[in-house]
């Protein structure tokens, strides 16, 4: 079985209020620990497709059309073989 791990994050030029809130909290609890924090999302998807190249092409399309907002977000993904 193939499993995809998709990471979606805000583009660097987009402000990240949630990241700022996490950084401020870290500064209060652990001063000097974090300079910058960016918050994103990770999705783990078990794929029905067994052909890695077909899965890669379809997943790229799905990432652009469904899982991310290409205006403000960027994505990356990895596909790996896993045993159930």
N, C-alpha and C. Protein backbone atom coordinates (compact mmCIF):
# COMPACT_ATOMS: atom_id res chain seq x y z
N UNK A 1 0.85 -1.18 0.00
CA UNK A 1 0.00 0.00 0.00
C UNK A 1 0.89 1.24 0.00
N UNK A 2 0.42 2.26 -0.66
CA UNK A 2 1.14 3.53 -0.67
C UNK A 2 0.51 4.49 0.33
N UNK A 3 1.35 5.24 1.01
CA UNK A 3 0.89 6.26 1.95
C UNK A 3 1.54 7.57 1.58
N UNK A 4 0.72 8.61 1.51
CA UNK A 4 1.22 9.95 1.22
C UNK A 4 1.24 10.76 2.51
N UNK A 5 2.29 11.53 2.66
CA UNK A 5 2.37 12.51 3.73
C UNK A 5 2.45 13.87 3.06
N UNK A 6 1.43 14.69 3.29
CA UNK A 6 1.33 16.01 2.66
C UNK A 6 1.53 17.07 3.73
N UNK A 7 2.40 18.04 3.45
CA UNK A 7 2.62 19.16 4.36
C UNK A 7 2.19 20.43 3.66
N UNK A 8 1.30 21.18 4.30
CA UNK A 8 0.80 22.44 3.75
C UNK A 8 1.17 23.55 4.72
N UNK A 9 1.84 24.58 4.21
CA UNK A 9 2.24 25.71 5.04
C UNK A 9 1.94 27.02 4.32
N UNK A 10 1.86 28.08 5.10
CA UNK A 10 1.70 29.40 4.50
C UNK A 10 2.99 29.78 3.78
N UNK A 11 2.85 30.51 2.69
CA UNK A 11 4.03 31.02 2.00
C UNK A 11 4.76 31.98 2.93
N UNK A 12 6.06 32.11 2.76
CA UNK A 12 6.88 32.94 3.65
C UNK A 12 6.41 34.38 3.72
N UNK A 13 5.88 34.90 2.62
CA UNK A 13 5.48 36.31 2.59
C UNK A 13 4.11 36.56 3.22
N UNK A 14 3.42 35.49 3.62
CA UNK A 14 2.10 35.61 4.23
C UNK A 14 2.24 35.61 5.75
N UNK A 15 1.59 36.57 6.38
CA UNK A 15 1.62 36.66 7.84
C UNK A 15 0.95 35.43 8.45
N UNK A 16 1.48 34.97 9.58
CA UNK A 16 0.97 33.77 10.24
C UNK A 16 0.59 34.11 11.68
N UNK A 17 -0.64 34.61 11.90
CA UNK A 17 -1.06 34.99 13.25
C UNK A 17 -0.99 33.85 14.25
N UNK A 18 -1.32 32.64 13.82
CA UNK A 18 -1.25 31.49 14.73
C UNK A 18 0.21 31.21 15.11
N UNK A 19 1.11 31.33 14.16
CA UNK A 19 2.53 31.17 14.45
C UNK A 19 3.04 32.22 15.42
N UNK A 20 2.56 33.46 15.24
CA UNK A 20 2.95 34.54 16.16
C UNK A 20 2.48 34.24 17.59
N UNK A 21 1.24 33.73 17.70
CA UNK A 21 0.70 33.40 19.03
C UNK A 21 1.52 32.30 19.69
N UNK A 22 1.90 31.28 18.92
CA UNK A 22 2.71 30.20 19.47
C UNK A 22 4.08 30.73 19.89
N UNK A 23 4.69 31.57 19.05
CA UNK A 23 5.99 32.15 19.39
C UNK A 23 5.91 32.99 20.66
N UNK A 24 4.85 33.80 20.80
CA UNK A 24 4.68 34.62 22.00
C UNK A 24 4.54 33.75 23.25
N UNK A 25 3.79 32.67 23.14
CA UNK A 25 3.64 31.76 24.27
C UNK A 25 4.96 31.11 24.63
N UNK A 26 5.71 30.68 23.59
CA UNK A 26 7.03 30.10 23.85
C UNK A 26 7.95 31.11 24.52
N UNK A 27 7.89 32.37 24.06
CA UNK A 27 8.72 33.41 24.67
C UNK A 27 8.40 33.58 26.15
N UNK A 28 7.12 33.45 26.50
CA UNK A 28 6.73 33.57 27.92
C UNK A 28 7.19 32.38 28.74
N UNK A 29 7.09 31.19 28.17
CA UNK A 29 7.43 29.98 28.91
C UNK A 29 8.91 29.60 28.82
N UNK A 30 9.51 29.87 27.66
CA UNK A 30 10.91 29.51 27.42
C UNK A 30 11.60 30.66 26.67
N UNK A 31 11.92 31.74 27.39
CA UNK A 31 12.52 32.91 26.74
C UNK A 31 13.76 32.55 25.92
N UNK A 32 13.82 33.13 24.71
CA UNK A 32 14.98 32.93 23.86
C UNK A 32 15.01 31.62 23.09
N UNK A 33 13.99 30.81 23.22
CA UNK A 33 14.00 29.49 22.56
C UNK A 33 13.68 29.60 21.07
N UNK A 34 12.64 30.34 20.72
CA UNK A 34 12.19 30.37 19.32
C UNK A 34 12.29 31.78 18.76
N UNK A 35 12.84 31.86 17.57
CA UNK A 35 12.92 33.15 16.88
C UNK A 35 11.67 33.36 16.01
N UNK A 36 11.23 32.30 15.33
CA UNK A 36 10.09 32.39 14.44
C UNK A 36 9.35 31.05 14.45
N UNK A 37 8.03 31.12 14.38
CA UNK A 37 7.22 29.91 14.33
C UNK A 37 6.23 30.05 13.17
N UNK A 38 6.13 29.02 12.36
CA UNK A 38 5.15 28.96 11.28
C UNK A 38 4.29 27.72 11.54
N UNK A 39 2.99 27.88 11.46
CA UNK A 39 2.07 26.78 11.71
C UNK A 39 1.51 26.29 10.38
N UNK A 40 1.42 24.99 10.23
CA UNK A 40 0.87 24.39 9.01
C UNK A 40 0.07 23.16 9.38
N UNK A 41 -0.14 22.32 8.37
CA UNK A 41 -0.88 21.09 8.62
C UNK A 41 -0.20 19.94 7.89
N UNK A 42 -0.31 18.76 8.48
CA UNK A 42 0.23 17.54 7.88
C UNK A 42 -0.92 16.56 7.73
N UNK A 43 -1.02 15.98 6.55
CA UNK A 43 -2.05 14.99 6.28
C UNK A 43 -1.37 13.67 5.91
N UNK A 44 -1.85 12.57 6.49
CA UNK A 44 -1.39 11.23 6.14
C UNK A 44 -2.54 10.57 5.40
N UNK A 45 -2.30 10.16 4.16
CA UNK A 45 -3.36 9.61 3.32
C UNK A 45 -2.94 8.24 2.80
N UNK A 46 -3.71 7.21 3.16
CA UNK A 46 -3.48 5.87 2.61
C UNK A 46 -4.15 5.84 1.25
N UNK A 47 -3.38 5.54 0.22
CA UNK A 47 -3.86 5.63 -1.15
C UNK A 47 -4.37 4.30 -1.66
N UNK A 48 -5.39 4.34 -2.49
CA UNK A 48 -5.88 3.14 -3.16
C UNK A 48 -5.05 2.83 -4.39
N UNK A 49 -4.49 3.87 -5.00
CA UNK A 49 -3.66 3.71 -6.19
C UNK A 49 -2.36 3.00 -5.82
N UNK A 50 -1.98 1.99 -6.62
CA UNK A 50 -0.76 1.24 -6.33
C UNK A 50 0.41 1.67 -7.23
N UNK A 51 0.12 2.38 -8.31
CA UNK A 51 1.17 2.87 -9.20
C UNK A 51 1.69 4.21 -8.67
N UNK A 52 2.96 4.22 -8.29
CA UNK A 52 3.54 5.40 -7.64
C UNK A 52 3.46 6.65 -8.52
N UNK A 53 3.72 6.53 -9.81
CA UNK A 53 3.71 7.71 -10.70
C UNK A 53 2.29 8.25 -10.89
N UNK A 54 1.33 7.36 -11.04
CA UNK A 54 -0.06 7.79 -11.13
C UNK A 54 -0.49 8.47 -9.84
N UNK A 55 -0.10 7.89 -8.72
CA UNK A 55 -0.44 8.47 -7.42
C UNK A 55 0.18 9.85 -7.27
N UNK A 56 1.44 9.99 -7.69
CA UNK A 56 2.13 11.27 -7.58
C UNK A 56 1.42 12.35 -8.41
N UNK A 57 1.04 12.03 -9.63
CA UNK A 57 0.36 13.00 -10.50
C UNK A 57 -1.00 13.40 -9.93
N UNK A 58 -1.76 12.41 -9.48
CA UNK A 58 -3.08 12.69 -8.92
C UNK A 58 -2.98 13.48 -7.62
N UNK A 59 -2.05 13.11 -6.77
CA UNK A 59 -1.88 13.80 -5.50
C UNK A 59 -1.45 15.25 -5.70
N UNK A 60 -0.59 15.50 -6.67
CA UNK A 60 -0.19 16.88 -6.96
C UNK A 60 -1.41 17.71 -7.35
N UNK A 61 -2.27 17.16 -8.19
CA UNK A 61 -3.49 17.85 -8.60
C UNK A 61 -4.41 18.09 -7.40
N UNK A 62 -4.57 17.08 -6.56
CA UNK A 62 -5.43 17.20 -5.38
C UNK A 62 -4.88 18.26 -4.41
N UNK A 63 -3.57 18.29 -4.24
CA UNK A 63 -2.96 19.29 -3.36
C UNK A 63 -3.26 20.70 -3.87
N UNK A 64 -3.12 20.90 -5.17
CA UNK A 64 -3.38 22.23 -5.76
C UNK A 64 -4.84 22.62 -5.68
N UNK A 65 -5.74 21.66 -5.92
CA UNK A 65 -7.15 21.97 -6.05
C UNK A 65 -7.95 21.88 -4.75
N UNK A 66 -7.50 21.02 -3.82
CA UNK A 66 -8.32 20.75 -2.63
C UNK A 66 -7.60 21.02 -1.31
N UNK A 67 -6.39 20.54 -1.18
CA UNK A 67 -5.73 20.55 0.13
C UNK A 67 -5.02 21.85 0.47
N UNK A 68 -4.78 22.70 -0.53
CA UNK A 68 -4.09 23.96 -0.24
C UNK A 68 -4.76 25.10 -1.00
N UNK A 69 -4.50 26.29 -0.54
CA UNK A 69 -4.92 27.50 -1.24
C UNK A 69 -3.66 28.05 -1.90
N UNK A 70 -3.50 27.86 -3.21
CA UNK A 70 -2.24 28.21 -3.87
C UNK A 70 -1.89 29.70 -3.83
N UNK A 71 -2.85 30.54 -3.48
CA UNK A 71 -2.57 31.98 -3.37
C UNK A 71 -1.71 32.26 -2.14
N UNK A 72 -1.99 31.56 -1.03
CA UNK A 72 -1.28 31.87 0.21
C UNK A 72 -0.50 30.70 0.79
N UNK A 73 -0.70 29.49 0.24
CA UNK A 73 -0.05 28.31 0.81
C UNK A 73 0.81 27.59 -0.22
N UNK A 74 1.77 26.84 0.31
CA UNK A 74 2.57 25.95 -0.52
C UNK A 74 2.49 24.56 0.09
N UNK A 75 2.81 23.57 -0.71
CA UNK A 75 2.71 22.19 -0.22
C UNK A 75 3.89 21.37 -0.71
N UNK A 76 4.10 20.30 -0.01
CA UNK A 76 5.09 19.29 -0.41
C UNK A 76 4.52 17.95 0.03
N UNK A 77 4.92 16.89 -0.67
CA UNK A 77 4.44 15.58 -0.26
C UNK A 77 5.47 14.51 -0.56
N UNK A 78 5.34 13.42 0.18
CA UNK A 78 6.15 12.23 -0.02
C UNK A 78 5.21 11.05 -0.11
N UNK A 79 5.57 10.10 -0.93
CA UNK A 79 4.80 8.87 -1.04
C UNK A 79 5.73 7.71 -0.69
N UNK A 80 5.26 6.85 0.21
CA UNK A 80 6.09 5.72 0.61
C UNK A 80 5.27 4.44 0.61
N UNK A 81 5.95 3.34 0.47
CA UNK A 81 5.34 2.02 0.54
C UNK A 81 5.24 1.63 2.01
N UNK A 82 4.06 1.20 2.43
CA UNK A 82 3.88 0.76 3.81
C UNK A 82 3.16 -0.58 3.81
N UNK A 83 3.35 -1.32 4.88
CA UNK A 83 2.61 -2.57 5.05
C UNK A 83 1.48 -2.30 6.05
N UNK A 84 0.36 -2.91 5.82
CA UNK A 84 -0.79 -2.63 6.70
C UNK A 84 -0.65 -3.14 8.06
